C-alpha atoms as a PDB file:
ATOM      1  CA  MET A   1     -84.798 -58.685  72.548  1.00  0.00           C
ATOM      2  CA  PRO A   2     -82.424 -59.139  69.810  1.00  0.00           C
ATOM      3  CA  SER A   3     -81.827 -55.975  67.560  1.00  0.00           C
ATOM      4  CA  GLU A   4     -82.772 -56.440  64.350  1.00  0.00           C
ATOM      5  CA  ASN A   5     -86.737 -56.554  65.854  1.00  0.00           C
ATOM      6  CA  VAL A   6     -85.494 -53.773  67.689  1.00  0.00           C
ATOM      7  CA  PRO A   7     -87.934 -50.621  66.553  1.00  0.00           C
ATOM      8  CA  THR A   8     -85.434 -48.018  64.581  1.00  0.00           C
ATOM      9  CA  SER A   9     -86.315 -45.508  66.632  1.00  0.00           C
ATOM     10  CA  VAL A  10     -85.568 -46.863  70.502  1.00  0.00           C
ATOM     11  CA  ARG A  11     -81.391 -47.850  68.995  1.00  0.00           C
ATOM     12  CA  ALA A  12     -78.597 -45.916  69.775  1.00  0.00           C
ATOM     13  CA  GLN A  13     -77.986 -43.572  67.017  1.00  0.00           C
ATOM     14  CA  PRO A  14     -74.289 -42.241  66.925  1.00  0.00           C
ATOM     15  CA  ALA A  15     -73.688 -39.282  68.625  1.00  0.00           C
ATOM     16  CA  ALA A  16     -73.545 -36.332  66.800  1.00  0.00           C
ATOM     17  CA  ASP A  17     -70.456 -34.362  66.383  1.00  0.00           C
ATOM     18  CA  LEU A  18     -70.601 -31.784  68.481  1.00  0.00           C
ATOM     19  CA  GLY A  19     -67.799 -28.730  68.192  1.00  0.00           C
ATOM     20  CA  SER A  20     -66.330 -26.583  72.138  1.00  0.00           C
ATOM     21  CA  TYR A  21     -64.067 -23.821  72.682  1.00  0.00           C
ATOM     22  CA  TYR A  22     -62.525 -22.534  75.527  1.00  0.00           C
ATOM     23  CA  GLY A  23     -61.461 -18.898  76.513  1.00  0.00           C
ATOM     24  CA  THR A  24     -61.958 -15.737  77.913  1.00  0.00           C
ATOM     25  CA  TYR A  25     -64.175 -14.267  79.160  1.00  0.00           C
ATOM     26  CA  ARG A  26     -63.274 -10.652  81.708  1.00  0.00           C
ATOM     27  CA  GLY A  27     -59.715 -12.322  82.563  1.00  0.00           C
ATOM     28  CA  LYS A  28     -62.001 -15.413  83.271  1.00  0.00           C
ATOM     29  CA  ALA A  29     -62.288 -18.952  82.222  1.00  0.00           C
ATOM     30  CA  ALA A  30     -65.200 -19.574  79.790  1.00  0.00           C
ATOM     31  CA  TYR A  31     -66.462 -22.201  78.004  1.00  0.00           C
ATOM     32  CA  ALA A  32     -68.756 -22.299  75.387  1.00  0.00           C
ATOM     33  CA  ARG A  33     -69.815 -25.445  73.769  1.00  0.00           C
ATOM     34  CA  GLU A  34     -72.111 -27.197  71.230  1.00  0.00           C
ATOM     35  CA  THR A  35     -75.309 -28.835  73.212  1.00  0.00           C
ATOM     36  CA  SER A  36     -77.346 -29.860  69.453  1.00  0.00           C
ATOM     37  CA  ALA A  37     -75.885 -29.171  66.364  1.00  0.00           C
ATOM     38  CA  GLY A  38     -76.786 -25.129  65.010  1.00  0.00           C
ATOM     39  CA  SER A  39     -77.198 -24.331  68.932  1.00  0.00           C
ATOM     40  CA  TRP A  40     -74.318 -22.837  71.509  1.00  0.00           C
ATOM     41  CA  GLN A  41     -73.899 -22.187  74.637  1.00  0.00           C
ATOM     42  CA  VAL A  42     -71.406 -19.796  77.368  1.00  0.00           C
ATOM     43  CA  LYS A  43     -70.347 -20.559  80.269  1.00  0.00           C
ATOM     44  CA  VAL A  44     -67.579 -18.449  82.639  1.00  0.00           C
ATOM     45  CA  HIS A  45     -65.460 -19.737  85.768  1.00  0.00           C
ATOM     46  CA  ASP A  46     -66.999 -18.099  88.505  1.00  0.00           C
ATOM     47  CA  PRO A  47     -67.175 -18.922  91.780  1.00  0.00           C
ATOM     48  CA  THR A  48     -67.262 -15.962  93.806  1.00  0.00           C
ATOM     49  CA  ASN A  49     -70.874 -15.389  91.795  1.00  0.00           C
ATOM     50  CA  ARG A  50     -73.339 -15.974  93.886  1.00  0.00           C
ATOM     51  CA  LEU A  51     -75.446 -16.398  90.491  1.00  0.00           C
ATOM     52  CA  ALA A  52     -73.324 -19.491  89.953  1.00  0.00           C
ATOM     53  CA  GLY A  53     -74.004 -22.969  90.311  1.00  0.00           C
ATOM     54  CA  HIS A  54     -72.172 -24.962  93.030  1.00  0.00           C
ATOM     55  CA  ASP A  55     -69.736 -25.795  90.900  1.00  0.00           C
ATOM     56  CA  GLY A  56     -69.331 -22.134  89.816  1.00  0.00           C
ATOM     57  CA  TRP A  57     -70.098 -22.310  86.893  1.00  0.00           C
ATOM     58  CA  LEU A  58     -72.386 -19.029  85.596  1.00  0.00           C
ATOM     59  CA  MET A  59     -74.623 -19.773  82.012  1.00  0.00           C
ATOM     60  CA  LEU A  60     -74.016 -16.597  80.445  1.00  0.00           C
ATOM     61  CA  GLY A  61     -76.220 -17.194  76.943  1.00  0.00           C
ATOM     62  CA  THR A  62     -77.904 -20.129  75.238  1.00  0.00           C
ATOM     63  CA  GLY A  63     -79.990 -20.356  71.198  1.00  0.00           C
ATOM     64  CA  TRP A  64     -76.467 -18.986  69.268  1.00  0.00           C
ATOM     65  CA  PRO A  65     -76.137 -20.441  65.986  1.00  0.00           C
ATOM     66  CA  THR A  66     -72.718 -20.560  65.301  1.00  0.00           C
ATOM     67  CA  LEU A  67     -69.554 -19.539  68.268  1.00  0.00           C
ATOM     68  CA  PRO A  68     -68.008 -16.458  66.594  1.00  0.00           C
ATOM     69  CA  ASP A  69     -71.716 -14.693  66.786  1.00  0.00           C
ATOM     70  CA  ALA A  70     -71.532 -16.873  70.619  1.00  0.00           C
ATOM     71  CA  CYS A  71     -68.267 -14.516  71.039  1.00  0.00           C
ATOM     72  CA  GLU A  72     -70.309 -12.064  69.600  1.00  0.00           C
ATOM     73  CA  ALA A  73     -72.870 -12.094  71.494  1.00  0.00           C
ATOM     74  CA  THR A  74     -70.959 -12.409  75.581  1.00  0.00           C
ATOM     75  CA  GLY A  75     -67.170 -10.970  74.789  1.00  0.00           C
ATOM     76  CA  LEU A  76     -65.602 -14.588  74.617  1.00  0.00           C
ATOM     77  CA  SER A  77     -62.194 -14.571  73.764  1.00  0.00           C
END
């Protein structure tokens, strides 16, 4: 089907430029990323923590509107 016949709601939209930041949390590698515009999440790599996922990353939290807010709330530096 030619693209001019595809409804606009179905056409691929360009991806938004979302932010990310690598830092540390209590001496461990940490990663903050913007999951959607104005919503940040923070993870720490702690494979020895039993709550960490199969890849060793543990979610510290999500939903902060800015990177500084996420860093302040979690202690990410």
